[in-house]
Amino acid sequence: AALPAAVRDKVDELMAEGRSVQAVFAVRSSGVEPRPGLRACQDLVAE
């Protein structure tokens, strides 16, 4: 919910392409403060 809409769209696009590592990077570099941890990003992308 905290991610900007453009980042959510990018994550969906990357996941549709099977690019989960890039999706994690998109979440981590989204500008959300405090910066989400790697595990939280991985869990989010998996979900």
ModelCIF file with pLDDT and N, C-alpha, C, O atoms, coordinates in Angstrom:
data_MODEL
#
_entry.id   MODEL 
#
_entity.id                         1 
_entity.type                       polymer 
_entity.pdbx_number_of_molecules   1 
#
_entity_poly.entity_id                      1 
_entity_poly.type                           'polypeptide(L)' 
_entity_poly.nstd_linkage                   no 
_entity_poly.nstd_monomer                   no 
_entity_poly.pdbx_seq_one_letter_code       AALPAAVRDKVDELMAEGRSVQAVFAVRSSGVEPRPGLRACQDLVAE 
_entity_poly.pdbx_seq_one_letter_code_can   AALPAAVRDKVDELMAEGRSVQAVFAVRSSGVEPRPGLRACQDLVAE 
_entity_poly.pdbx_strand_id                 A 
#
loop_
_entity_poly_seq.entity_id 
_entity_poly_seq.num 
_entity_poly_seq.mon_id 
_entity_poly_seq.hetero 
1 1  ALA n 
1 2  ALA n 
1 3  LEU n 
1 4  PRO n 
1 5  ALA n 
1 6  ALA n 
1 7  VAL n 
1 8  ARG n 
1 9  ASP n 
1 10 LYS n 
1 11 VAL n 
1 12 ASP n 
1 13 GLU n 
1 14 LEU n 
1 15 MET n 
1 16 ALA n 
1 17 GLU n 
1 18 GLY n 
1 19 ARG n 
1 20 SER n 
1 21 VAL n 
1 22 GLN n 
1 23 ALA n 
1 24 VAL n 
1 25 PHE n 
1 26 ALA n 
1 27 VAL n 
1 28 ARG n 
1 29 SER n 
1 30 SER n 
1 31 GLY n 
1 32 VAL n 
1 33 GLU n 
1 34 PRO n 
1 35 ARG n 
1 36 PRO n 
1 37 GLY n 
1 38 LEU n 
1 39 ARG n 
1 40 ALA n 
1 41 CYS n 
1 42 GLN n 
1 43 ASP n 
1 44 LEU n 
1 45 VAL n 
1 46 ALA n 
1 47 GLU n 
#
_struct_asym.id          A 
_struct_asym.entity_id   1 
#
loop_
_ma_qa_metric.id 
_ma_qa_metric.mode 
_ma_qa_metric.name 
_ma_qa_metric.software_group_id 
_ma_qa_metric.type 
1 global pLDDT . pLDDT 
2 local  pLDDT . pLDDT 
#
_ma_qa_metric_global.metric_id      1 
_ma_qa_metric_global.metric_value   95.72 
_ma_qa_metric_global.model_id       1 
_ma_qa_metric_global.ordinal_id     1 
#
loop_
_ma_qa_metric_local.label_asym_id 
_ma_qa_metric_local.label_comp_id 
_ma_qa_metric_local.label_seq_id 
_ma_qa_metric_local.metric_id 
_ma_qa_metric_local.metric_value 
_ma_qa_metric_local.model_id 
_ma_qa_metric_local.ordinal_id 
A ALA 1  2 95.00 1 1  
A ALA 2  2 96.00 1 2  
A LEU 3  2 97.00 1 3  
A PRO 4  2 97.00 1 4  
A ALA 5  2 97.00 1 5  
A ALA 6  2 97.00 1 6  
A VAL 7  2 97.00 1 7  
A ARG 8  2 97.00 1 8  
A ASP 9  2 97.00 1 9  
A LYS 10 2 97.00 1 10 
A VAL 11 2 97.00 1 11 
A ASP 12 2 96.00 1 12 
A GLU 13 2 96.00 1 13 
A LEU 14 2 96.00 1 14 
A MET 15 2 94.00 1 15 
A ALA 16 2 92.00 1 16 
A GLU 17 2 93.00 1 17 
A GLY 18 2 92.00 1 18 
A ARG 19 2 95.00 1 19 
A SER 20 2 95.00 1 20 
A VAL 21 2 97.00 1 21 
A GLN 22 2 97.00 1 22 
A ALA 23 2 97.00 1 23 
A VAL 24 2 97.00 1 24 
A PHE 25 2 97.00 1 25 
A ALA 26 2 98.00 1 26 
A VAL 27 2 97.00 1 27 
A ARG 28 2 97.00 1 28 
A SER 29 2 96.00 1 29 
A SER 30 2 96.00 1 30 
A GLY 31 2 95.00 1 31 
A VAL 32 2 94.00 1 32 
A GLU 33 2 94.00 1 33 
A PRO 34 2 94.00 1 34 
A ARG 35 2 94.00 1 35 
A PRO 36 2 95.00 1 36 
A GLY 37 2 95.00 1 37 
A LEU 38 2 96.00 1 38 
A ARG 39 2 96.00 1 39 
A ALA 40 2 96.00 1 40 
A CYS 41 2 96.00 1 41 
A GLN 42 2 96.00 1 42 
A ASP 43 2 96.00 1 43 
A LEU 44 2 96.00 1 44 
A VAL 45 2 96.00 1 45 
A ALA 46 2 94.00 1 46 
A GLU 47 2 94.00 1 47 
#
loop_
_atom_site.group_PDB 
_atom_site.id 
_atom_site.type_symbol 
_atom_site.label_atom_id 
_atom_site.label_alt_id 
_atom_site.label_comp_id 
_atom_site.label_asym_id 
_atom_site.label_entity_id 
_atom_site.label_seq_id 
_atom_site.pdbx_PDB_ins_code 
_atom_site.Cartn_x 
_atom_site.Cartn_y 
_atom_site.Cartn_z 
_atom_site.occupancy 
_atom_site.B_iso_or_equiv 
_atom_site.pdbx_formal_charge 
_atom_site.auth_seq_id 
_atom_site.auth_comp_id 
_atom_site.auth_asym_id 
_atom_site.auth_atom_id 
_atom_site.pdbx_PDB_model_num 
ATOM 1   N N  . ALA A 1 1  ? 0.824  -1.212  0.000   1.00 95.00 ? 1  ALA A N  1 
ATOM 2   C CA . ALA A 1 1  ? 0.000  0.000   0.000   1.00 95.00 ? 1  ALA A CA 1 
ATOM 3   C C  . ALA A 1 1  ? 0.861  1.266   0.000   1.00 95.00 ? 1  ALA A C  1 
ATOM 4   O O  . ALA A 1 1  ? 0.450  2.296   -0.534  1.00 95.00 ? 1  ALA A O  1 
ATOM 5   N N  . ALA A 1 2  ? 2.049  1.190   0.595   1.00 96.00 ? 2  ALA A N  1 
ATOM 6   C CA . ALA A 1 2  ? 2.932  2.358   0.675   1.00 96.00 ? 2  ALA A CA 1 
ATOM 7   C C  . ALA A 1 2  ? 3.666  2.633   -0.626  1.00 96.00 ? 2  ALA A C  1 
ATOM 8   O O  . ALA A 1 2  ? 4.163  3.740   -0.833  1.00 96.00 ? 2  ALA A O  1 
ATOM 9   N N  . LEU A 1 3  ? 3.740  1.643   -1.506  1.00 97.00 ? 3  LEU A N  1 
ATOM 10  C CA . LEU A 1 3  ? 4.469  1.827   -2.756  1.00 97.00 ? 3  LEU A CA 1 
ATOM 11  C C  . LEU A 1 3  ? 3.704  2.755   -3.693  1.00 97.00 ? 3  LEU A C  1 
ATOM 12  O O  . LEU A 1 3  ? 2.477  2.692   -3.768  1.00 97.00 ? 3  LEU A O  1 
ATOM 13  N N  . PRO A 1 4  ? 4.425  3.613   -4.406  1.00 97.00 ? 4  PRO A N  1 
ATOM 14  C CA . PRO A 1 4  ? 3.761  4.421   -5.439  1.00 97.00 ? 4  PRO A CA 1 
ATOM 15  C C  . PRO A 1 4  ? 3.130  3.518   -6.500  1.00 97.00 ? 4  PRO A C  1 
ATOM 16  O O  . PRO A 1 4  ? 3.623  2.421   -6.760  1.00 97.00 ? 4  PRO A O  1 
ATOM 17  N N  . ALA A 1 5  ? 2.056  3.977   -7.100  1.00 97.00 ? 5  ALA A N  1 
ATOM 18  C CA . ALA A 1 5  ? 1.340  3.183   -8.103  1.00 97.00 ? 5  ALA A CA 1 
ATOM 19  C C  . ALA A 1 5  ? 2.258  2.737   -9.231  1.00 97.00 ? 5  ALA A C  1 
ATOM 20  O O  . ALA A 1 5  ? 2.129  1.613   -9.716  1.00 97.00 ? 5  ALA A O  1 
ATOM 21  N N  . ALA A 1 6  ? 3.177  3.588   -9.657  1.00 97.00 ? 6  ALA A N  1 
ATOM 22  C CA . ALA A 1 6  ? 4.088  3.232   -10.746 1.00 97.00 ? 6  ALA A CA 1 
ATOM 23  C C  . ALA A 1 6  ? 4.987  2.064   -10.345 1.00 97.00 ? 6  ALA A C  1 
ATOM 24  O O  . ALA A 1 6  ? 5.304  1.216   -11.180 1.00 97.00 ? 6  ALA A O  1 
ATOM 25  N N  . VAL A 1 7  ? 5.396  2.010   -9.092  1.00 97.00 ? 7  VAL A N  1 
ATOM 26  C CA . VAL A 1 7  ? 6.240  0.909   -8.612  1.00 97.00 ? 7  VAL A CA 1 
ATOM 27  C C  . VAL A 1 7  ? 5.413  -0.364  -8.538  1.00 97.00 ? 7  VAL A C  1 
ATOM 28  O O  . VAL A 1 7  ? 5.896  -1.431  -8.920  1.00 97.00 ? 7  VAL A O  1 
ATOM 29  N N  . ARG A 1 8  ? 4.190  -0.280  -8.062  1.00 97.00 ? 8  ARG A N  1 
ATOM 30  C CA . ARG A 1 8  ? 3.322  -1.469  -8.036  1.00 97.00 ? 8  ARG A CA 1 
ATOM 31  C C  . ARG A 1 8  ? 3.123  -2.024  -9.442  1.00 97.00 ? 8  ARG A C  1 
ATOM 32  O O  . ARG A 1 8  ? 3.169  -3.236  -9.648  1.00 97.00 ? 8  ARG A O  1 
ATOM 33  N N  . ASP A 1 9  ? 2.902  -1.134  -10.409 1.00 97.00 ? 9  ASP A N  1 
ATOM 34  C CA . ASP A 1 9  ? 2.748  -1.567  -11.801 1.00 97.00 ? 9  ASP A CA 1 
ATOM 35  C C  . ASP A 1 9  ? 4.024  -2.237  -12.308 1.00 97.00 ? 9  ASP A C  1 
ATOM 36  O O  . ASP A 1 9  ? 3.965  -3.261  -12.990 1.00 97.00 ? 9  ASP A O  1 
ATOM 37  N N  . LYS A 1 10 ? 5.176  -1.657  -11.973 1.00 97.00 ? 10 LYS A N  1 
ATOM 38  C CA . LYS A 1 10 ? 6.460  -2.213  -12.401 1.00 97.00 ? 10 LYS A CA 1 
ATOM 39  C C  . LYS A 1 10 ? 6.688  -3.599  -11.785 1.00 97.00 ? 10 LYS A C  1 
ATOM 40  O O  . LYS A 1 10 ? 7.153  -4.514  -12.464 1.00 97.00 ? 10 LYS A O  1 
ATOM 41  N N  . VAL A 1 11 ? 6.362  -3.747  -10.508 1.00 97.00 ? 11 VAL A N  1 
ATOM 42  C CA . VAL A 1 11 ? 6.504  -5.043  -9.843  1.00 97.00 ? 11 VAL A CA 1 
ATOM 43  C C  . VAL A 1 11 ? 5.618  -6.079  -10.542 1.00 97.00 ? 11 VAL A C  1 
ATOM 44  O O  . VAL A 1 11 ? 6.066  -7.194  -10.810 1.00 97.00 ? 11 VAL A O  1 
ATOM 45  N N  . ASP A 1 12 ? 4.384  -5.723  -10.833 1.00 96.00 ? 12 ASP A N  1 
ATOM 46  C CA . ASP A 1 12 ? 3.486  -6.652  -11.530 1.00 96.00 ? 12 ASP A CA 1 
ATOM 47  C C  . ASP A 1 12 ? 4.051  -7.026  -12.898 1.00 96.00 ? 12 ASP A C  1 
ATOM 48  O O  . ASP A 1 12 ? 4.009  -8.192  -13.292 1.00 96.00 ? 12 ASP A O  1 
ATOM 49  N N  . GLU A 1 13 ? 4.578  -6.037  -13.624 1.00 96.00 ? 13 GLU A N  1 
ATOM 50  C CA . GLU A 1 13 ? 5.161  -6.284  -14.941 1.00 96.00 ? 13 GLU A CA 1 
ATOM 51  C C  . GLU A 1 13 ? 6.353  -7.241  -14.837 1.00 96.00 ? 13 GLU A C  1 
ATOM 52  O O  . GLU A 1 13 ? 6.468  -8.193  -15.609 1.00 96.00 ? 13 GLU A O  1 
ATOM 53  N N  . LEU A 1 14 ? 7.223  -6.975  -13.881 1.00 96.00 ? 14 LEU A N  1 
ATOM 54  C CA . LEU A 1 14 ? 8.402  -7.824  -13.697 1.00 96.00 ? 14 LEU A CA 1 
ATOM 55  C C  . LEU A 1 14 ? 8.006  -9.237  -13.286 1.00 96.00 ? 14 LEU A C  1 
ATOM 56  O O  . LEU A 1 14 ? 8.592  -10.209 -13.762 1.00 96.00 ? 14 LEU A O  1 
ATOM 57  N N  . MET A 1 15 ? 7.029  -9.354  -12.419 1.00 94.00 ? 15 MET A N  1 
ATOM 58  C CA . MET A 1 15 ? 6.596  -10.678 -11.985 1.00 94.00 ? 15 MET A CA 1 
ATOM 59  C C  . MET A 1 15 ? 5.958  -11.446 -13.141 1.00 94.00 ? 15 MET A C  1 
ATOM 60  O O  . MET A 1 15 ? 6.130  -12.660 -13.243 1.00 94.00 ? 15 MET A O  1 
ATOM 61  N N  . ALA A 1 16 ? 5.232  -10.761 -14.000 1.00 92.00 ? 16 ALA A N  1 
ATOM 62  C CA . ALA A 1 16 ? 4.634  -11.416 -15.162 1.00 92.00 ? 16 ALA A CA 1 
ATOM 63  C C  . ALA A 1 16 ? 5.710  -11.955 -16.098 1.00 92.00 ? 16 ALA A C  1 
ATOM 64  O O  . ALA A 1 16 ? 5.485  -12.926 -16.820 1.00 92.00 ? 16 ALA A O  1 
ATOM 65  N N  . GLU A 1 17 ? 6.880  -11.319 -16.081 1.00 93.00 ? 17 GLU A N  1 
ATOM 66  C CA . GLU A 1 17 ? 8.012  -11.756 -16.894 1.00 93.00 ? 17 GLU A CA 1 
ATOM 67  C C  . GLU A 1 17 ? 8.888  -12.771 -16.160 1.00 93.00 ? 17 GLU A C  1 
ATOM 68  O O  . GLU A 1 17 ? 9.871  -13.257 -16.719 1.00 93.00 ? 17 GLU A O  1 
ATOM 69  N N  . GLY A 1 18 ? 8.539  -13.093 -14.915 1.00 92.00 ? 18 GLY A N  1 
ATOM 70  C CA . GLY A 1 18 ? 9.321  -14.039 -14.128 1.00 92.00 ? 18 GLY A CA 1 
ATOM 71  C C  . GLY A 1 18 ? 10.609 -13.448 -13.580 1.00 92.00 ? 18 GLY A C  1 
ATOM 72  O O  . GLY A 1 18 ? 11.557 -14.183 -13.304 1.00 92.00 ? 18 GLY A O  1 
ATOM 73  N N  . ARG A 1 19 ? 10.658 -12.135 -13.418 1.00 95.00 ? 19 ARG A N  1 
ATOM 74  C CA . ARG A 1 19 ? 11.880 -11.441 -12.992 1.00 95.00 ? 19 ARG A CA 1 
ATOM 75  C C  . ARG A 1 19 ? 11.751 -10.971 -11.535 1.00 95.00 ? 19 ARG A C  1 
ATOM 76  O O  . ARG A 1 19 ? 11.668 -9.773  -11.264 1.00 95.00 ? 19 ARG A O  1 
ATOM 77  N N  . SER A 1 20 ? 11.736 -11.925 -10.612 1.00 95.00 ? 20 SER A N  1 
ATOM 78  C CA . SER A 1 20 ? 11.503 -11.600 -9.202  1.00 95.00 ? 20 SER A CA 1 
ATOM 79  C C  . SER A 1 20 ? 12.659 -10.832 -8.567  1.00 95.00 ? 20 SER A C  1 
ATOM 80  O O  . SER A 1 20 ? 12.430 -9.992  -7.696  1.00 95.00 ? 20 SER A O  1 
ATOM 81  N N  . VAL A 1 21 ? 13.889 -11.100 -8.984  1.00 97.00 ? 21 VAL A N  1 
ATOM 82  C CA . VAL A 1 21 ? 15.028 -10.378 -8.408  1.00 97.00 ? 21 VAL A CA 1 
ATOM 83  C C  . VAL A 1 21 ? 14.915 -8.891  -8.742  1.00 97.00 ? 21 VAL A C  1 
ATOM 84  O O  . VAL A 1 21 ? 15.151 -8.040  -7.884  1.00 97.00 ? 21 VAL A O  1 
ATOM 85  N N  . GLN A 1 22 ? 14.559 -8.581  -9.974  1.00 97.00 ? 22 GLN A N  1 
ATOM 86  C CA . GLN A 1 22 ? 14.390 -7.188  -10.375 1.00 97.00 ? 22 GLN A CA 1 
ATOM 87  C C  . GLN A 1 22 ? 13.191 -6.553  -9.663  1.00 97.00 ? 22 GLN A C  1 
ATOM 88  O O  . GLN A 1 22 ? 13.206 -5.360  -9.362  1.00 97.00 ? 22 GLN A O  1 
ATOM 89  N N  . ALA A 1 23 ? 12.163 -7.348  -9.399  1.00 97.00 ? 23 ALA A N  1 
ATOM 90  C CA . ALA A 1 23 ? 10.999 -6.839  -8.669  1.00 97.00 ? 23 ALA A CA 1 
ATOM 91  C C  . ALA A 1 23 ? 11.381 -6.473  -7.235  1.00 97.00 ? 23 ALA A C  1 
ATOM 92  O O  . ALA A 1 23 ? 10.932 -5.451  -6.715  1.00 97.00 ? 23 ALA A O  1 
ATOM 93  N N  . VAL A 1 24 ? 12.214 -7.310  -6.591  1.00 97.00 ? 24 VAL A N  1 
ATOM 94  C CA . VAL A 1 24 ? 12.697 -6.997  -5.240  1.00 97.00 ? 24 VAL A CA 1 
ATOM 95  C C  . VAL A 1 24 ? 13.482 -5.693  -5.274  1.00 97.00 ? 24 VAL A C  1 
ATOM 96  O O  . VAL A 1 24 ? 13.304 -4.841  -4.404  1.00 97.00 ? 24 VAL A O  1 
ATOM 97  N N  . PHE A 1 25 ? 14.345 -5.529  -6.263  1.00 97.00 ? 25 PHE A N  1 
ATOM 98  C CA . PHE A 1 25 ? 15.125 -4.304  -6.388  1.00 97.00 ? 25 PHE A CA 1 
ATOM 99  C C  . PHE A 1 25 ? 14.201 -3.095  -6.559  1.00 97.00 ? 25 PHE A C  1 
ATOM 100 O O  . PHE A 1 25 ? 14.451 -2.043  -5.971  1.00 97.00 ? 25 PHE A O  1 
ATOM 101 N N  . ALA A 1 26 ? 13.148 -3.230  -7.349  1.00 98.00 ? 26 ALA A N  1 
ATOM 102 C CA . ALA A 1 26 ? 12.209 -2.129  -7.558  1.00 98.00 ? 26 ALA A CA 1 
ATOM 103 C C  . ALA A 1 26 ? 11.553 -1.712  -6.242  1.00 98.00 ? 26 ALA A C  1 
ATOM 104 O O  . ALA A 1 26 ? 11.375 -0.522  -5.982  1.00 98.00 ? 26 ALA A O  1 
ATOM 105 N N  . VAL A 1 27 ? 11.199 -2.682  -5.426  1.00 97.00 ? 27 VAL A N  1 
ATOM 106 C CA . VAL A 1 27 ? 10.580 -2.369  -4.133  1.00 97.00 ? 27 VAL A CA 1 
ATOM 107 C C  . VAL A 1 27 ? 11.592 -1.684  -3.218  1.00 97.00 ? 27 VAL A C  1 
ATOM 108 O O  . VAL A 1 27 ? 11.283 -0.671  -2.591  1.00 97.00 ? 27 VAL A O  1 
ATOM 109 N N  . ARG A 1 28 ? 12.798 -2.241  -3.144  1.00 97.00 ? 28 ARG A N  1 
ATOM 110 C CA . ARG A 1 28 ? 13.827 -1.669  -2.252  1.00 97.00 ? 28 ARG A CA 1 
ATOM 111 C C  . ARG A 1 28 ? 14.227 -0.265  -2.665  1.00 97.00 ? 28 ARG A C  1 
ATOM 112 O O  . ARG A 1 28 ? 14.575 0.548   -1.810  1.00 97.00 ? 28 ARG A O  1 
ATOM 113 N N  . SER A 1 29 ? 14.186 0.036   -3.942  1.00 96.00 ? 29 SER A N  1 
ATOM 114 C CA . SER A 1 29 ? 14.617 1.347   -4.420  1.00 96.00 ? 29 SER A CA 1 
ATOM 115 C C  . SER A 1 29 ? 13.445 2.272   -4.726  1.00 96.00 ? 29 SER A C  1 
ATOM 116 O O  . SER A 1 29 ? 13.594 3.238   -5.473  1.00 96.00 ? 29 SER A O  1 
ATOM 117 N N  . SER A 1 30 ? 12.288 1.983   -4.155  1.00 96.00 ? 30 SER A N  1 
ATOM 118 C CA . SER A 1 30 ? 11.058 2.729   -4.458  1.00 96.00 ? 30 SER A CA 1 
ATOM 119 C C  . SER A 1 30 ? 10.986 4.101   -3.806  1.00 96.00 ? 30 SER A C  1 
ATOM 120 O O  . SER A 1 30 ? 10.161 4.927   -4.195  1.00 96.00 ? 30 SER A O  1 
ATOM 121 N N  . GLY A 1 31 ? 11.834 4.355   -2.825  1.00 95.00 ? 31 GLY A N  1 
ATOM 122 C CA . GLY A 1 31 ? 11.781 5.628   -2.117  1.00 95.00 ? 31 GLY A CA 1 
ATOM 123 C C  . GLY A 1 31 ? 10.952 5.586   -0.846  1.00 95.00 ? 31 GLY A C  1 
ATOM 124 O O  . GLY A 1 31 ? 10.851 6.591   -0.141  1.00 95.00 ? 31 GLY A O  1 
ATOM 125 N N  . VAL A 1 32 ? 10.357 4.440   -0.542  1.00 94.00 ? 32 VAL A N  1 
ATOM 126 C CA . VAL A 1 32 ? 9.582  4.292   0.697   1.00 94.00 ? 32 VAL A CA 1 
ATOM 127 C C  . VAL A 1 32 ? 10.543 4.424   1.875   1.00 94.00 ? 32 VAL A C  1 
ATOM 128 O O  . VAL A 1 32 ? 11.614 3.817   1.891   1.00 94.00 ? 32 VAL A O  1 
ATOM 129 N N  . GLU A 1 33 ? 10.150 5.216   2.847   1.00 94.00 ? 33 GLU A N  1 
ATOM 130 C CA . GLU A 1 33 ? 10.964 5.407   4.058   1.00 94.00 ? 33 GLU A CA 1 
ATOM 131 C C  . GLU A 1 33 ? 10.204 4.877   5.262   1.00 94.00 ? 33 GLU A C  1 
ATOM 132 O O  . GLU A 1 33 ? 8.997  5.103   5.357   1.00 94.00 ? 33 GLU A O  1 
ATOM 133 N N  . PRO A 1 34 ? 10.853 4.185   6.179   1.00 94.00 ? 34 PRO A N  1 
ATOM 134 C CA . PRO A 1 34 ? 12.225 3.715   6.068   1.00 94.00 ? 34 PRO A CA 1 
ATOM 135 C C  . PRO A 1 34 ? 12.327 2.664   4.971   1.00 94.00 ? 34 PRO A C  1 
ATOM 136 O O  . PRO A 1 34 ? 11.358 1.975   4.654   1.00 94.00 ? 34 PRO A O  1 
ATOM 137 N N  . ARG A 1 35 ? 13.522 2.557   4.400   1.00 94.00 ? 35 ARG A N  1 
ATOM 138 C CA . ARG A 1 35 ? 13.746 1.617   3.305   1.00 94.00 ? 35 ARG A CA 1 
ATOM 139 C C  . ARG A 1 35 ? 13.433 0.199   3.781   1.00 94.00 ? 35 ARG A C  1 
ATOM 140 O O  . ARG A 1 35 ? 13.959 -0.249  4.800   1.00 94.00 ? 35 ARG A O  1 
ATOM 141 N N  . PRO A 1 36 ? 12.577 -0.503  3.039   1.00 95.00 ? 36 PRO A N  1 
ATOM 142 C CA . PRO A 1 36 ? 12.210 -1.865  3.470   1.00 95.00 ? 36 PRO A CA 1 
ATOM 143 C C  . PRO A 1 36 ? 13.402 -2.808  3.391   1.00 95.00 ? 36 PRO A C  1 
ATOM 144 O O  . PRO A 1 36 ? 14.251 -2.692  2.507   1.00 95.00 ? 36 PRO A O  1 
ATOM 145 N N  . GLY A 1 37 ? 13.448 -3.738  4.326   1.00 95.00 ? 37 GLY A N  1 
ATOM 146 C CA . GLY A 1 37 ? 14.510 -4.731  4.362   1.00 95.00 ? 37 GLY A CA 1 
ATOM 147 C C  . GLY A 1 37 ? 14.369 -5.740  3.235   1.00 95.00 ? 37 GLY A C  1 
ATOM 148 O O  . GLY A 1 37 ? 13.308 -5.878  2.627   1.00 95.00 ? 37 GLY A O  1 
ATOM 149 N N  . LEU A 1 38 ? 15.453 -6.432  2.975   1.00 96.00 ? 38 LEU A N  1 
ATOM 150 C CA . LEU A 1 38 ? 15.480 -7.411  1.890   1.00 96.00 ? 38 LEU A CA 1 
ATOM 151 C C  . LEU A 1 38 ? 14.426 -8.496  2.091   1.00 96.00 ? 38 LEU A C  1 
ATOM 152 O O  . LEU A 1 38 ? 13.708 -8.838  1.152   1.00 96.00 ? 38 LEU A O  1 
ATOM 153 N N  . ARG A 1 39 ? 14.325 -9.041  3.302   1.00 96.00 ? 39 ARG A N  1 
ATOM 154 C CA . ARG A 1 39 ? 13.361 -10.117 3.577   1.00 96.00 ? 39 ARG A CA 1 
ATOM 155 C C  . ARG A 1 39 ? 11.926 -9.635  3.355   1.00 96.00 ? 39 ARG A C  1 
ATOM 156 O O  . ARG A 1 39 ? 11.111 -10.365 2.792   1.00 96.00 ? 39 ARG A O  1 
ATOM 157 N N  . ALA A 1 40 ? 11.613 -8.419  3.792   1.00 96.00 ? 40 ALA A N  1 
ATOM 158 C CA . ALA A 1 40 ? 10.263 -7.881  3.592   1.00 96.00 ? 40 ALA A CA 1 
ATOM 159 C C  . ALA A 1 40 ? 9.955  -7.743  2.107   1.00 96.00 ? 40 ALA A C  1 
ATOM 160 O O  . ALA A 1 40 ? 8.838  -8.020  1.672   1.00 96.00 ? 40 ALA A O  1 
ATOM 161 N N  . CYS A 1 41 ? 10.943 -7.316  1.334   1.00 96.00 ? 41 CYS A N  1 
ATOM 162 C CA . CYS A 1 41 ? 10.755 -7.180  -0.111  1.00 96.00 ? 41 CYS A CA 1 
ATOM 163 C C  . CYS A 1 41 ? 10.573 -8.540  -0.776  1.00 96.00 ? 41 CYS A C  1 
ATOM 164 O O  . CYS A 1 41 ? 9.713  -8.704  -1.641  1.00 96.00 ? 41 CYS A O  1 
ATOM 165 N N  . GLN A 1 42 ? 11.377 -9.503  -0.374  1.00 96.00 ? 42 GLN A N  1 
ATOM 166 C CA . GLN A 1 42 ? 11.261 -10.849 -0.934  1.00 96.00 ? 42 GLN A CA 1 
ATOM 167 C C  . GLN A 1 42 ? 9.893  -11.443 -0.617  1.00 96.00 ? 42 GLN A C  1 
ATOM 168 O O  . GLN A 1 42 ? 9.262  -12.055 -1.480  1.00 96.00 ? 42 GLN A O  1 
ATOM 169 N N  . ASP A 1 43 ? 9.438  -11.263 0.615   1.00 96.00 ? 43 ASP A N  1 
ATOM 170 C CA . ASP A 1 43 ? 8.124  -11.785 1.007   1.00 96.00 ? 43 ASP A CA 1 
ATOM 171 C C  . ASP A 1 43 ? 7.015  -11.120 0.203   1.00 96.00 ? 43 ASP A C  1 
ATOM 172 O O  . ASP A 1 43 ? 6.083  -11.781 -0.254  1.00 96.00 ? 43 ASP A O  1 
ATOM 173 N N  . LEU A 1 44 ? 7.125  -9.812  0.037   1.00 96.00 ? 44 LEU A N  1 
ATOM 174 C CA . LEU A 1 44 ? 6.123  -9.066  -0.721  1.00 96.00 ? 44 LEU A CA 1 
ATOM 175 C C  . LEU A 1 44 ? 6.074  -9.540  -2.169  1.00 96.00 ? 44 LEU A C  1 
ATOM 176 O O  . LEU A 1 44 ? 4.994  -9.770  -2.714  1.00 96.00 ? 44 LEU A O  1 
ATOM 177 N N  . VAL A 1 45 ? 7.228  -9.684  -2.784  1.00 96.00 ? 45 VAL A N  1 
ATOM 178 C CA . VAL A 1 45 ? 7.301  -10.114 -4.176  1.00 96.00 ? 45 VAL A CA 1 
ATOM 179 C C  . VAL A 1 45 ? 6.766  -11.540 -4.318  1.00 96.00 ? 45 VAL A C  1 
ATOM 180 O O  . VAL A 1 45 ? 6.055  -11.835 -5.278  1.00 96.00 ? 45 VAL A O  1 
ATOM 181 N N  . ALA A 1 46 ? 7.092  -12.412 -3.393  1.00 94.00 ? 46 ALA A N  1 
ATOM 182 C CA . ALA A 1 46 ? 6.573  -13.784 -3.441  1.00 94.00 ? 46 ALA A CA 1 
ATOM 183 C C  . ALA A 1 46 ? 5.050  -13.791 -3.309  1.00 94.00 ? 46 ALA A C  1 
ATOM 184 O O  . ALA A 1 46 ? 4.364  -14.526 -4.019  1.00 94.00 ? 46 ALA A O  1 
ATOM 185 N N  . GLU A 1 47 ? 4.534  -12.981 -2.407  1.00 94.00 ? 47 GLU A N  1 
ATOM 186 C CA . GLU A 1 47 ? 3.079  -12.886 -2.223  1.00 94.00 ? 47 GLU A CA 1 
ATOM 187 C C  . GLU A 1 47 ? 2.420  -12.333 -3.486  1.00 94.00 ? 47 GLU A C  1 
ATOM 188 O O  . GLU A 1 47 ? 1.200  -12.180 -3.528  1.00 94.00 ? 47 GLU A O  1 
#
